[in-house]
Every structure is written in C-alpha cells, then in structure tokens.
C-alpha cells in the first residue's frame, strides 16, 4: 500500500521549485518608503526635503518611490467638508512640484518646467475649492429659503394640533432632509468630477499615465 503523504509534505513538494522574486519585494518596499516620505513631508513640509529623499533612492526604484509619494499627496486634494486650509494645499502643491521636477519633463508651459506648472495648477485648484465652499453656502441658503413657507405651514399645523408654539428643525424633517441632500449632492458631484480631472492633469504633469498603478 502506498504511503499516504501528509498535507505538509505535499505543500513542501509544491514549493521546492519556487524562487523568491527579490525585485518584486524591493519594489514593494520602495512603495512603502515613498508613502512614508510623503507622510513625513505632510507632517512638517518646512523641515523635510521630499526632492532630496527621492534623489537618495536607487535609480532603478526611484519611479516607484516617486509614484507612491505622489499618490499620498494627491489624495489630500479633496472637496472640503467644512474647514478648508489653503496653506496645507499650498504645501501639497510644493511637494507635488518636487516630484514633477524629478520627472525630467519640460512641462506644458515651455521653459517654466513641469514643477512650476504643478504649482500653478494647484493654485487654481485652491481657488476652485474656495469657490465650491461659497457655492455650497449659496445652495444651502437657497434650499432653506425655498423650503421656509412649507416648514412654517408644518409648524402652524402642529401648533394648532398641540395647542402650543412649535419650532421644527428642518434637518430633522425627512422631506426637507431628502430635498437638501439631493441638491447638495448634485453640486458636490459636479465639482468632484472637475476636481478629478484636475488631479489627472497633475498626474500627467508628473509624468504618470492613468494606467499607472
């Protein structure tokens, strides 16, 4: 009778011919280092030189490091939920500019170079986000103004039924909340689409295609 091999023996036989892909492991480590460097830069932009950190990497893995750092920085560019810091966005832009400079591209603006082009685009994005906040306030006010007569009528009916003055919080009214959400999300979706286009343009300035992982 043939000896029944254990699951461990079978597993060991299957792995005997496998070799560790050292290049793959090193590439993964460079991604981690790139993300870590971008995080250190964001913690204290004034004291951490992202461009110097990039130059310190091995040439064959420099692009992996650069792309990983870029992904962390560009992820900071989002539609604000309340507070918006132009200063933080400016630092993000300068970090992206350092990565763009290392791409070796001349840039779309001639002799200015891709790094200056990145800074200019982030400045435009900053103005765009400030306008989003202004438009959001206008939409919210318009919604409340439009809904005011209906809300007052609901308050009147409830006051008559309960025999006392009633004041309703519009955000606790399901009908108002649904109307508010629909209009605000429509505005947000329009701005988000434009913002994603700008971020894709930043990637292009830095020499990254949309297919880069």
N, C-alpha and C. Protein backbone atom coordinates (compact mmCIF):
# COMPACT_ATOMS: atom_id res chain seq x y z
N UNK A 1 0.86 -1.20 0.00
CA UNK A 1 0.00 0.00 0.00
C UNK A 1 0.89 1.24 0.00
N UNK A 2 0.57 2.18 -0.91
CA UNK A 2 1.37 3.41 -0.99
C UNK A 2 1.20 4.23 0.27
N UNK A 3 2.29 4.83 0.65
CA UNK A 3 2.26 5.67 1.85
C UNK A 3 1.47 6.95 1.57
N UNK A 4 0.56 7.25 2.44
CA UNK A 4 -0.23 8.47 2.29
C UNK A 4 0.59 9.65 2.79
N UNK A 5 0.83 10.57 1.90
CA UNK A 5 1.65 11.73 2.26
C UNK A 5 0.83 12.76 3.04
N UNK A 6 1.46 13.36 3.98
CA UNK A 6 0.77 14.39 4.77
C UNK A 6 0.60 15.66 3.95
N UNK A 7 -0.32 16.50 4.39
CA UNK A 7 -0.56 17.77 3.71
C UNK A 7 0.69 18.63 3.71
N UNK A 8 1.48 18.56 4.79
CA UNK A 8 2.70 19.34 4.88
C UNK A 8 3.71 18.89 3.84
N UNK A 9 3.86 17.57 3.66
CA UNK A 9 4.80 17.03 2.67
C UNK A 9 4.42 17.45 1.26
N UNK A 10 3.12 17.42 0.98
CA UNK A 10 2.65 17.82 -0.34
C UNK A 10 2.92 19.31 -0.59
N UNK A 11 2.69 20.10 0.43
CA UNK A 11 2.91 21.54 0.29
C UNK A 11 4.39 21.84 0.07
N UNK A 12 5.27 21.13 0.77
CA UNK A 12 6.70 21.34 0.61
C UNK A 12 7.17 20.95 -0.78
N UNK A 13 6.59 19.89 -1.33
CA UNK A 13 6.95 19.47 -2.68
C UNK A 13 6.60 20.53 -3.71
N UNK A 14 5.44 21.18 -3.53
CA UNK A 14 4.98 22.19 -4.48
C UNK A 14 5.83 23.46 -4.44
N UNK A 15 6.43 23.72 -3.29
CA UNK A 15 7.19 24.97 -3.15
C UNK A 15 8.68 24.79 -3.40
N UNK A 16 9.12 23.58 -3.65
CA UNK A 16 10.55 23.33 -3.84
C UNK A 16 11.13 24.09 -5.03
N UNK A 17 10.34 24.20 -6.11
CA UNK A 17 10.85 24.84 -7.31
C UNK A 17 10.62 26.33 -7.37
N UNK A 18 9.98 26.88 -6.36
CA UNK A 18 9.67 28.31 -6.38
C UNK A 18 10.85 29.13 -5.88
N UNK A 19 11.06 30.29 -6.49
CA UNK A 19 12.11 31.20 -6.08
C UNK A 19 11.49 32.53 -5.66
N UNK A 20 12.06 33.12 -4.67
CA UNK A 20 11.56 34.41 -4.19
C UNK A 20 11.93 35.48 -5.21
N UNK A 21 10.93 36.26 -5.61
CA UNK A 21 11.16 37.36 -6.56
C UNK A 21 11.65 38.56 -5.76
N UNK A 22 12.97 38.68 -5.68
CA UNK A 22 13.56 39.73 -4.87
C UNK A 22 13.22 41.12 -5.40
N UNK A 23 13.17 41.27 -6.72
CA UNK A 23 12.85 42.57 -7.31
C UNK A 23 11.44 43.01 -6.92
N UNK A 24 10.52 42.06 -6.88
CA UNK A 24 9.13 42.36 -6.50
C UNK A 24 9.07 42.82 -5.04
N UNK A 25 9.83 42.16 -4.18
CA UNK A 25 9.85 42.52 -2.77
C UNK A 25 10.44 43.92 -2.58
N UNK A 26 11.54 44.19 -3.28
CA UNK A 26 12.17 45.51 -3.18
C UNK A 26 11.27 46.62 -3.70
N UNK A 27 10.52 46.31 -4.78
CA UNK A 27 9.58 47.30 -5.32
C UNK A 27 8.50 47.62 -4.30
N UNK A 28 8.02 46.59 -3.61
CA UNK A 28 7.02 46.80 -2.56
C UNK A 28 7.56 47.65 -1.43
N UNK A 29 8.81 47.42 -1.09
CA UNK A 29 9.44 48.21 -0.03
C UNK A 29 9.59 49.67 -0.45
N UNK A 30 9.88 49.91 -1.72
CA UNK A 30 10.00 51.28 -2.22
C UNK A 30 8.67 52.01 -2.17
N UNK A 31 7.58 51.28 -2.44
CA UNK A 31 6.26 51.90 -2.33
C UNK A 31 6.00 52.35 -0.90
N UNK A 32 6.34 51.49 0.04
CA UNK A 32 6.14 51.83 1.45
C UNK A 32 6.98 53.04 1.82
N UNK A 33 8.24 53.07 1.36
CA UNK A 33 9.12 54.18 1.66
C UNK A 33 8.63 55.48 1.02
N UNK A 34 8.09 55.38 -0.18
CA UNK A 34 7.54 56.56 -0.85
C UNK A 34 6.36 57.13 -0.09
N UNK A 35 5.47 56.26 0.37
CA UNK A 35 4.31 56.72 1.15
C UNK A 35 4.76 57.32 2.48
N UNK A 36 5.75 56.68 3.08
CA UNK A 36 6.24 57.17 4.36
C UNK A 36 6.90 58.54 4.21
N UNK A 37 7.66 58.73 3.14
CA UNK A 37 8.31 60.01 2.91
C UNK A 37 7.28 61.12 2.69
N UNK A 38 6.23 60.81 1.93
CA UNK A 38 5.17 61.80 1.71
C UNK A 38 4.48 62.15 3.01
N UNK A 39 4.29 61.15 3.87
CA UNK A 39 3.67 61.40 5.17
C UNK A 39 4.53 62.29 6.05
N UNK A 40 5.84 62.05 6.03
CA UNK A 40 6.75 62.89 6.81
C UNK A 40 6.75 64.32 6.27
N UNK A 41 6.67 64.43 4.96
CA UNK A 41 6.62 65.77 4.36
C UNK A 41 5.35 66.51 4.79
N UNK A 42 4.22 65.83 4.77
CA UNK A 42 2.97 66.46 5.16
C UNK A 42 2.95 66.85 6.63
N UNK A 43 3.63 66.06 7.46
CA UNK A 43 3.70 66.39 8.89
C UNK A 43 4.47 67.68 9.14
N UNK A 44 5.52 67.92 8.34
CA UNK A 44 6.33 69.12 8.54
C UNK A 44 7.01 69.50 7.21
N UNK A 45 6.27 70.14 6.31
CA UNK A 45 6.82 70.48 4.99
C UNK A 45 8.08 71.33 5.04
N UNK A 46 8.20 72.16 6.06
CA UNK A 46 9.34 73.08 6.12
C UNK A 46 10.65 72.38 6.43
N UNK A 47 10.59 71.23 7.08
CA UNK A 47 11.83 70.59 7.52
C UNK A 47 12.16 69.30 6.78
N UNK A 48 11.25 68.84 5.92
CA UNK A 48 11.51 67.59 5.20
C UNK A 48 11.62 67.88 3.71
N UNK A 49 12.77 67.54 3.12
CA UNK A 49 13.02 67.79 1.70
C UNK A 49 12.64 66.55 0.90
N UNK A 50 11.47 66.60 0.29
CA UNK A 50 10.97 65.44 -0.44
C UNK A 50 11.81 65.16 -1.69
N UNK A 51 12.28 66.23 -2.34
CA UNK A 51 13.12 66.05 -3.52
C UNK A 51 14.43 65.35 -3.18
N UNK A 52 15.03 65.71 -2.04
CA UNK A 52 16.27 65.08 -1.61
C UNK A 52 16.04 63.63 -1.25
N UNK A 53 14.90 63.35 -0.63
CA UNK A 53 14.57 61.96 -0.28
C UNK A 53 14.45 61.11 -1.54
N UNK A 54 13.88 61.69 -2.57
CA UNK A 54 13.73 60.97 -3.83
C UNK A 54 15.09 60.69 -4.47
N UNK A 55 15.98 61.67 -4.45
CA UNK A 55 17.31 61.51 -5.04
C UNK A 55 18.12 60.44 -4.31
N UNK A 56 17.78 60.22 -3.06
CA UNK A 56 18.52 59.25 -2.27
C UNK A 56 18.16 57.81 -2.55
N UNK A 57 17.14 57.59 -3.38
CA UNK A 57 16.72 56.22 -3.68
C UNK A 57 17.57 55.64 -4.82
N UNK A 58 17.60 54.34 -4.91
CA UNK A 58 18.32 53.69 -6.01
C UNK A 58 17.62 54.03 -7.33
N UNK A 59 18.38 54.35 -8.37
CA UNK A 59 17.79 54.79 -9.64
C UNK A 59 16.73 53.84 -10.20
N UNK A 60 16.96 52.54 -10.06
CA UNK A 60 16.02 51.58 -10.66
C UNK A 60 14.68 51.52 -9.93
N UNK A 61 14.62 52.06 -8.70
CA UNK A 61 13.36 52.04 -7.94
C UNK A 61 12.82 53.45 -7.69
N UNK A 62 13.48 54.44 -8.26
CA UNK A 62 13.12 55.83 -7.98
C UNK A 62 11.69 56.17 -8.45
N UNK A 63 11.29 55.63 -9.60
CA UNK A 63 9.96 55.92 -10.12
C UNK A 63 8.86 55.31 -9.26
N UNK A 64 9.13 54.15 -8.69
CA UNK A 64 8.16 53.51 -7.80
C UNK A 64 7.97 54.37 -6.55
N UNK A 65 9.08 54.83 -6.01
CA UNK A 65 9.06 55.71 -4.84
C UNK A 65 8.30 57.00 -5.16
N UNK A 66 8.61 57.57 -6.31
CA UNK A 66 8.01 58.85 -6.72
C UNK A 66 6.49 58.72 -6.88
N UNK A 67 6.05 57.65 -7.51
CA UNK A 67 4.61 57.46 -7.73
C UNK A 67 3.89 57.22 -6.41
N UNK A 68 4.50 56.45 -5.51
CA UNK A 68 3.87 56.19 -4.21
C UNK A 68 3.72 57.49 -3.42
N UNK A 69 4.75 58.33 -3.45
CA UNK A 69 4.69 59.62 -2.76
C UNK A 69 3.62 60.52 -3.38
N UNK A 70 3.56 60.52 -4.71
CA UNK A 70 2.56 61.33 -5.41
C UNK A 70 1.14 60.91 -5.01
N UNK A 71 0.89 59.61 -4.95
CA UNK A 71 -0.44 59.12 -4.61
C UNK A 71 -0.89 59.61 -3.24
N UNK A 72 0.04 59.65 -2.29
CA UNK A 72 -0.29 60.14 -0.95
C UNK A 72 -0.61 61.64 -0.99
N UNK A 73 0.19 62.39 -1.72
CA UNK A 73 -0.01 63.85 -1.78
C UNK A 73 -1.31 64.21 -2.50
N UNK A 74 -1.53 63.60 -3.65
CA UNK A 74 -2.71 63.97 -4.43
C UNK A 74 -4.00 63.54 -3.74
N UNK A 75 -3.92 62.53 -2.86
CA UNK A 75 -5.10 62.09 -2.11
C UNK A 75 -5.56 63.16 -1.12
N UNK A 76 -4.67 64.11 -0.80
CA UNK A 76 -5.03 65.20 0.11
C UNK A 76 -5.94 66.23 -0.56
N UNK A 77 -6.01 66.19 -1.88
CA UNK A 77 -6.81 67.17 -2.61
C UNK A 77 -8.24 66.65 -2.74
N UNK A 78 -9.09 67.11 -1.87
CA UNK A 78 -10.48 66.66 -1.81
C UNK A 78 -11.41 67.86 -1.63
N UNK A 79 -12.68 67.67 -1.99
CA UNK A 79 -13.67 68.71 -1.70
C UNK A 79 -13.78 68.84 -0.19
N UNK A 80 -13.68 70.05 0.35
CA UNK A 80 -13.69 70.22 1.81
C UNK A 80 -15.05 69.94 2.42
N UNK A 81 -15.02 69.36 3.60
CA UNK A 81 -16.23 69.19 4.40
C UNK A 81 -16.12 70.13 5.59
N UNK A 82 -16.46 71.38 5.36
CA UNK A 82 -16.34 72.37 6.42
C UNK A 82 -15.06 73.17 6.29
N UNK A 83 -14.04 72.79 7.06
CA UNK A 83 -12.80 73.57 7.10
C UNK A 83 -11.94 73.31 5.86
N UNK A 84 -11.39 74.38 5.32
CA UNK A 84 -10.50 74.29 4.16
C UNK A 84 -9.25 75.12 4.43
N UNK A 85 -8.08 74.51 4.27
CA UNK A 85 -6.82 75.20 4.54
C UNK A 85 -6.04 75.42 3.26
N UNK A 86 -6.04 76.64 2.72
CA UNK A 86 -5.24 76.93 1.53
C UNK A 86 -3.75 76.70 1.78
N UNK A 87 -3.30 76.95 3.03
CA UNK A 87 -1.88 76.77 3.36
C UNK A 87 -1.47 75.30 3.22
N UNK A 88 -2.30 74.41 3.69
CA UNK A 88 -1.99 72.98 3.57
C UNK A 88 -1.96 72.56 2.10
N UNK A 89 -2.91 73.07 1.33
CA UNK A 89 -2.95 72.74 -0.09
C UNK A 89 -1.72 73.29 -0.81
N UNK A 90 -1.26 74.46 -0.39
CA UNK A 90 -0.05 75.03 -0.98
C UNK A 90 1.15 74.12 -0.74
N UNK A 91 1.24 73.58 0.48
CA UNK A 91 2.33 72.66 0.80
C UNK A 91 2.24 71.39 -0.04
N UNK A 92 1.01 70.91 -0.23
CA UNK A 92 0.81 69.74 -1.08
C UNK A 92 1.30 70.03 -2.50
N UNK A 93 0.98 71.22 -2.99
CA UNK A 93 1.40 71.62 -4.33
C UNK A 93 2.91 71.68 -4.47
N UNK A 94 3.57 72.18 -3.45
CA UNK A 94 5.03 72.26 -3.49
C UNK A 94 5.66 70.87 -3.46
N UNK A 95 5.04 69.96 -2.71
CA UNK A 95 5.53 68.59 -2.68
C UNK A 95 5.36 67.91 -4.04
N UNK A 96 4.20 68.11 -4.66
CA UNK A 96 3.97 67.55 -5.99
C UNK A 96 4.92 68.17 -7.00
N UNK A 97 5.21 69.46 -6.83
CA UNK A 97 6.15 70.14 -7.73
C UNK A 97 7.54 69.51 -7.65
N UNK A 98 7.95 69.14 -6.44
CA UNK A 98 9.26 68.48 -6.28
C UNK A 98 9.29 67.15 -7.02
N UNK A 99 8.18 66.43 -6.98
CA UNK A 99 8.09 65.15 -7.69
C UNK A 99 8.02 65.38 -9.20
N UNK A 100 7.34 66.44 -9.60
CA UNK A 100 7.25 66.75 -11.03
C UNK A 100 8.61 67.15 -11.59
N UNK A 101 9.36 67.90 -10.81
CA UNK A 101 10.70 68.33 -11.23
C UNK A 101 11.60 67.12 -11.50
N UNK A 102 11.42 66.08 -10.71
CA UNK A 102 12.25 64.89 -10.85
C UNK A 102 11.84 64.03 -12.05
N UNK A 103 10.70 64.36 -12.67
CA UNK A 103 10.25 63.57 -13.80
C UNK A 103 11.11 63.80 -15.04
N UNK A 104 11.78 64.95 -15.08
CA UNK A 104 12.62 65.27 -16.23
C UNK A 104 11.85 65.83 -17.40
N UNK A 105 10.55 66.05 -17.22
CA UNK A 105 9.74 66.60 -18.31
C UNK A 105 9.93 68.12 -18.39
N UNK A 106 9.79 68.66 -19.61
CA UNK A 106 9.94 70.11 -19.80
C UNK A 106 8.70 70.85 -19.36
N UNK A 107 7.57 70.18 -19.35
CA UNK A 107 6.34 70.84 -18.95
C UNK A 107 5.58 71.39 -20.13
N UNK A 108 4.30 71.64 -19.90
CA UNK A 108 3.43 72.12 -20.96
C UNK A 108 3.51 73.63 -21.14
N UNK A 109 4.18 74.31 -20.22
CA UNK A 109 4.25 75.77 -20.28
C UNK A 109 5.63 76.22 -20.73
N UNK A 110 6.25 75.46 -21.60
CA UNK A 110 7.54 75.86 -22.17
C UNK A 110 8.66 75.79 -21.17
N UNK A 111 9.42 76.87 -21.07
CA UNK A 111 10.63 76.87 -20.26
C UNK A 111 10.36 76.90 -18.77
N UNK A 112 9.14 77.14 -18.36
CA UNK A 112 8.85 77.20 -16.93
C UNK A 112 9.07 75.85 -16.25
N UNK A 113 8.87 74.79 -16.99
CA UNK A 113 9.11 73.47 -16.42
C UNK A 113 7.87 72.90 -15.76
N UNK A 114 7.86 71.58 -15.61
CA UNK A 114 6.69 70.89 -15.07
C UNK A 114 6.46 71.19 -13.59
N UNK A 115 7.54 71.49 -12.83
CA UNK A 115 7.35 71.79 -11.42
C UNK A 115 6.55 73.08 -11.21
N UNK A 116 6.88 74.11 -11.97
CA UNK A 116 6.14 75.37 -11.87
C UNK A 116 4.72 75.21 -12.39
N UNK A 117 4.58 74.36 -13.37
CA UNK A 117 3.24 74.08 -13.89
C UNK A 117 2.38 73.41 -12.84
N UNK A 118 2.97 72.51 -12.07
CA UNK A 118 2.24 71.83 -11.00
C UNK A 118 1.80 72.83 -9.93
N UNK A 119 2.70 73.73 -9.55
CA UNK A 119 2.37 74.75 -8.55
C UNK A 119 1.22 75.62 -9.05
N UNK A 120 1.28 76.03 -10.32
CA UNK A 120 0.22 76.88 -10.89
C UNK A 120 -1.12 76.17 -10.88
N UNK A 121 -1.12 74.88 -11.22
CA UNK A 121 -2.38 74.14 -11.26
C UNK A 121 -2.96 73.97 -9.86
N UNK A 122 -2.12 73.70 -8.87
CA UNK A 122 -2.61 73.55 -7.50
C UNK A 122 -3.17 74.88 -6.99
N UNK A 123 -2.57 75.99 -7.40
CA UNK A 123 -3.12 77.30 -7.03
C UNK A 123 -4.52 77.48 -7.62
N UNK A 124 -4.70 77.03 -8.85
CA UNK A 124 -6.03 77.09 -9.47
C UNK A 124 -7.02 76.21 -8.72
N UNK A 125 -6.55 75.03 -8.31
CA UNK A 125 -7.41 74.11 -7.56
C UNK A 125 -7.82 74.74 -6.23
N UNK A 126 -6.90 75.46 -5.59
CA UNK A 126 -7.20 76.11 -4.32
C UNK A 126 -8.34 77.12 -4.50
N UNK A 127 -8.26 77.92 -5.56
CA UNK A 127 -9.34 78.86 -5.85
C UNK A 127 -10.64 78.15 -6.16
N UNK A 128 -10.54 77.04 -6.85
CA UNK A 128 -11.70 76.23 -7.20
C UNK A 128 -12.40 75.69 -5.95
N UNK A 129 -11.60 75.23 -4.98
CA UNK A 129 -12.18 74.69 -3.75
C UNK A 129 -12.80 75.80 -2.90
N UNK A 130 -12.20 76.98 -2.92
CA UNK A 130 -12.78 78.11 -2.19
C UNK A 130 -14.13 78.49 -2.81
N UNK A 131 -14.20 78.45 -4.13
CA UNK A 131 -15.46 78.75 -4.82
C UNK A 131 -16.51 77.69 -4.51
N UNK A 132 -16.06 76.44 -4.38
CA UNK A 132 -17.00 75.36 -4.03
C UNK A 132 -17.66 75.66 -2.69
N UNK A 133 -16.86 76.09 -1.72
CA UNK A 133 -17.43 76.40 -0.41
C UNK A 133 -18.43 77.55 -0.49
N UNK A 134 -18.11 78.55 -1.29
CA UNK A 134 -19.03 79.68 -1.46
C UNK A 134 -20.33 79.22 -2.11
N UNK A 135 -20.21 78.43 -3.16
CA UNK A 135 -21.40 77.94 -3.86
C UNK A 135 -22.23 77.02 -2.97
N UNK A 136 -21.55 76.24 -2.13
CA UNK A 136 -22.26 75.34 -1.22
C UNK A 136 -23.11 76.15 -0.24
N UNK A 137 -22.55 77.24 0.29
CA UNK A 137 -23.30 78.10 1.20
C UNK A 137 -24.51 78.72 0.50
N UNK A 138 -24.31 79.13 -0.76
CA UNK A 138 -25.42 79.73 -1.51
C UNK A 138 -26.53 78.72 -1.76
N UNK A 139 -26.14 77.50 -2.11
CA UNK A 139 -27.14 76.45 -2.36
C UNK A 139 -27.90 76.12 -1.08
N UNK A 140 -27.17 76.02 0.03
CA UNK A 140 -27.83 75.71 1.31
C UNK A 140 -28.82 76.80 1.68
N UNK A 141 -28.43 78.07 1.48
CA UNK A 141 -29.32 79.17 1.81
C UNK A 141 -30.54 79.17 0.89
N UNK A 142 -30.32 78.90 -0.39
CA UNK A 142 -31.43 78.86 -1.35
C UNK A 142 -32.41 77.75 -1.00
N UNK A 143 -31.89 76.62 -0.56
CA UNK A 143 -32.75 75.49 -0.18
C UNK A 143 -33.61 75.86 1.02
N UNK A 144 -32.96 76.47 2.01
CA UNK A 144 -33.71 76.85 3.22
C UNK A 144 -34.77 77.92 2.92
N UNK A 145 -34.41 78.88 2.06
CA UNK A 145 -35.37 79.93 1.69
C UNK A 145 -36.55 79.34 0.94
N UNK A 146 -36.26 78.44 0.02
CA UNK A 146 -37.32 77.82 -0.78
C UNK A 146 -38.23 76.96 0.09
N UNK A 147 -37.66 76.37 1.12
CA UNK A 147 -38.42 75.44 1.96
C UNK A 147 -39.15 76.15 3.10
N UNK A 148 -38.77 77.40 3.38
CA UNK A 148 -39.31 78.11 4.54
C UNK A 148 -40.84 78.15 4.60
N UNK A 149 -41.57 78.48 3.51
CA UNK A 149 -43.03 78.51 3.61
C UNK A 149 -43.63 77.15 3.98
N UNK A 150 -43.08 76.11 3.43
CA UNK A 150 -43.59 74.77 3.73
C UNK A 150 -43.32 74.40 5.18
N UNK A 151 -42.14 74.78 5.68
CA UNK A 151 -41.79 74.50 7.07
C UNK A 151 -42.70 75.26 8.02
N UNK A 152 -42.97 76.52 7.69
CA UNK A 152 -43.85 77.33 8.54
C UNK A 152 -45.27 76.75 8.59
N UNK A 153 -45.72 76.24 7.46
CA UNK A 153 -47.06 75.64 7.42
C UNK A 153 -47.10 74.39 8.29
N UNK A 154 -46.04 73.59 8.26
CA UNK A 154 -45.98 72.41 9.12
C UNK A 154 -45.98 72.82 10.59
N UNK A 155 -45.24 73.88 10.91
CA UNK A 155 -45.20 74.37 12.29
C UNK A 155 -46.57 74.87 12.72
N UNK A 156 -47.28 75.57 11.80
CA UNK A 156 -48.61 76.09 12.12
C UNK A 156 -49.58 74.95 12.41
N UNK A 157 -49.55 73.93 11.57
CA UNK A 157 -50.45 72.80 11.75
C UNK A 157 -50.18 72.07 13.07
N UNK A 158 -48.90 71.87 13.38
CA UNK A 158 -48.56 71.17 14.63
C UNK A 158 -48.90 72.03 15.85
N UNK A 159 -48.68 73.35 15.74
CA UNK A 159 -49.01 74.25 16.84
C UNK A 159 -50.51 74.22 17.12
N UNK A 160 -51.32 74.22 16.05
CA UNK A 160 -52.77 74.18 16.21
C UNK A 160 -53.22 72.86 16.84
N UNK A 161 -52.55 71.77 16.44
CA UNK A 161 -52.94 70.45 16.94
C UNK A 161 -52.53 70.26 18.41
N UNK A 162 -51.36 70.83 18.79
CA UNK A 162 -50.84 70.63 20.14
C UNK A 162 -51.22 71.75 21.09
N UNK A 163 -51.71 72.86 20.55
CA UNK A 163 -52.11 73.98 21.40
C UNK A 163 -50.95 74.76 21.96
N UNK A 164 -49.80 74.69 21.32
CA UNK A 164 -48.62 75.45 21.75
C UNK A 164 -47.70 75.68 20.56
N UNK A 165 -46.85 76.71 20.70
CA UNK A 165 -45.94 77.02 19.60
C UNK A 165 -44.96 75.88 19.36
N UNK A 166 -44.76 75.57 18.10
CA UNK A 166 -43.83 74.51 17.71
C UNK A 166 -42.81 75.07 16.72
N UNK A 167 -41.55 74.80 16.97
CA UNK A 167 -40.48 75.18 16.04
C UNK A 167 -39.75 73.92 15.59
N UNK A 168 -39.72 73.71 14.29
CA UNK A 168 -39.12 72.50 13.74
C UNK A 168 -37.69 72.74 13.25
N UNK A 169 -36.84 71.77 13.49
CA UNK A 169 -35.50 71.77 12.91
C UNK A 169 -35.63 71.18 11.51
N UNK A 170 -35.36 71.99 10.47
CA UNK A 170 -35.58 71.48 9.11
C UNK A 170 -34.79 70.21 8.80
N UNK A 171 -33.59 70.06 9.37
CA UNK A 171 -32.77 68.89 9.07
C UNK A 171 -33.34 67.62 9.68
N UNK A 172 -34.29 67.77 10.64
CA UNK A 172 -34.94 66.60 11.23
C UNK A 172 -36.24 66.25 10.52
N UNK A 173 -36.57 67.08 9.54
CA UNK A 173 -37.76 66.80 8.73
C UNK A 173 -37.34 65.91 7.56
N UNK A 174 -37.85 64.68 7.46
CA UNK A 174 -37.40 63.75 6.41
C UNK A 174 -37.55 64.30 5.00
N UNK A 175 -38.62 65.01 4.75
CA UNK A 175 -38.86 65.55 3.41
C UNK A 175 -37.84 66.62 3.07
N UNK A 176 -37.58 67.53 4.03
CA UNK A 176 -36.58 68.57 3.80
C UNK A 176 -35.19 67.95 3.66
N UNK A 177 -34.86 67.00 4.53
CA UNK A 177 -33.54 66.39 4.51
C UNK A 177 -33.26 65.72 3.17
N UNK A 178 -34.28 65.06 2.60
CA UNK A 178 -34.10 64.40 1.30
C UNK A 178 -33.89 65.44 0.20
N UNK A 179 -34.67 66.54 0.27
CA UNK A 179 -34.55 67.60 -0.72
C UNK A 179 -33.17 68.27 -0.63
N UNK A 180 -32.74 68.51 0.61
CA UNK A 180 -31.43 69.12 0.87
C UNK A 180 -30.31 68.23 0.33
N UNK A 181 -30.37 66.95 0.66
CA UNK A 181 -29.33 66.01 0.25
C UNK A 181 -29.22 65.91 -1.26
N UNK A 182 -30.36 65.88 -1.93
CA UNK A 182 -30.36 65.75 -3.38
C UNK A 182 -29.66 66.94 -4.04
N UNK A 183 -30.00 68.14 -3.61
CA UNK A 183 -29.44 69.34 -4.23
C UNK A 183 -27.96 69.54 -3.90
N UNK A 184 -27.60 69.28 -2.64
CA UNK A 184 -26.20 69.43 -2.24
C UNK A 184 -25.33 68.39 -2.93
N UNK A 185 -25.84 67.16 -3.03
CA UNK A 185 -25.05 66.11 -3.68
C UNK A 185 -24.90 66.37 -5.17
N UNK A 186 -25.89 66.99 -5.79
CA UNK A 186 -25.76 67.35 -7.21
C UNK A 186 -24.63 68.35 -7.41
N UNK A 187 -24.57 69.34 -6.52
CA UNK A 187 -23.50 70.33 -6.59
C UNK A 187 -22.15 69.67 -6.35
N UNK A 188 -22.10 68.84 -5.34
CA UNK A 188 -20.85 68.17 -4.99
C UNK A 188 -20.36 67.27 -6.14
N UNK A 189 -21.28 66.58 -6.79
CA UNK A 189 -20.91 65.68 -7.89
C UNK A 189 -20.30 66.46 -9.05
N UNK A 190 -20.86 67.63 -9.35
CA UNK A 190 -20.33 68.44 -10.45
C UNK A 190 -18.91 68.91 -10.14
N UNK A 191 -18.71 69.39 -8.92
CA UNK A 191 -17.38 69.85 -8.53
C UNK A 191 -16.39 68.69 -8.45
N UNK A 192 -16.84 67.54 -7.94
CA UNK A 192 -15.96 66.38 -7.79
C UNK A 192 -15.45 65.91 -9.15
N UNK A 193 -16.32 65.94 -10.14
CA UNK A 193 -15.91 65.50 -11.48
C UNK A 193 -14.81 66.40 -12.04
N UNK A 194 -14.97 67.71 -11.87
CA UNK A 194 -13.95 68.65 -12.34
C UNK A 194 -12.66 68.48 -11.56
N UNK A 195 -12.78 68.25 -10.26
CA UNK A 195 -11.59 68.09 -9.42
C UNK A 195 -10.80 66.85 -9.83
N UNK A 196 -11.50 65.76 -10.13
CA UNK A 196 -10.81 64.54 -10.55
C UNK A 196 -10.05 64.78 -11.86
N UNK A 197 -10.62 65.59 -12.74
CA UNK A 197 -9.94 65.94 -13.98
C UNK A 197 -8.65 66.71 -13.72
N UNK A 198 -8.71 67.62 -12.75
CA UNK A 198 -7.52 68.41 -12.39
C UNK A 198 -6.44 67.52 -11.78
N UNK A 199 -6.85 66.55 -10.97
CA UNK A 199 -5.89 65.63 -10.35
C UNK A 199 -5.25 64.73 -11.42
N UNK A 200 -6.03 64.35 -12.42
CA UNK A 200 -5.47 63.57 -13.51
C UNK A 200 -4.45 64.40 -14.29
N UNK A 201 -4.73 65.70 -14.41
CA UNK A 201 -3.79 66.60 -15.09
C UNK A 201 -2.49 66.73 -14.29
N UNK A 202 -2.61 66.75 -12.97
CA UNK A 202 -1.42 66.78 -12.12
C UNK A 202 -0.57 65.53 -12.33
N UNK A 203 -1.25 64.39 -12.43
CA UNK A 203 -0.54 63.14 -12.66
C UNK A 203 0.22 63.21 -14.00
N UNK A 204 -0.44 63.77 -15.00
CA UNK A 204 0.19 63.89 -16.32
C UNK A 204 1.41 64.81 -16.27
N UNK A 205 1.29 65.91 -15.53
CA UNK A 205 2.40 66.85 -15.37
C UNK A 205 3.62 66.13 -14.75
N UNK A 206 3.33 65.23 -13.82
CA UNK A 206 4.39 64.50 -13.15
C UNK A 206 4.91 63.31 -13.96
N UNK A 207 4.31 63.10 -15.13
CA UNK A 207 4.77 62.01 -15.98
C UNK A 207 4.13 60.68 -15.72
N UNK A 208 2.98 60.68 -15.02
CA UNK A 208 2.28 59.44 -14.74
C UNK A 208 1.07 59.32 -15.66
N UNK A 209 0.84 58.15 -16.20
CA UNK A 209 -0.34 57.92 -17.03
C UNK A 209 -1.47 57.45 -16.12
N UNK A 210 -2.70 57.46 -16.66
CA UNK A 210 -3.85 57.00 -15.88
C UNK A 210 -3.78 55.51 -15.62
N UNK A 211 -2.93 54.80 -16.34
CA UNK A 211 -2.81 53.35 -16.16
C UNK A 211 -1.78 52.98 -15.11
N UNK A 212 -1.01 53.96 -14.61
CA UNK A 212 0.00 53.67 -13.59
C UNK A 212 -0.67 53.19 -12.32
N UNK A 213 -0.17 52.14 -11.73
CA UNK A 213 -0.76 51.59 -10.51
C UNK A 213 -0.05 52.17 -9.29
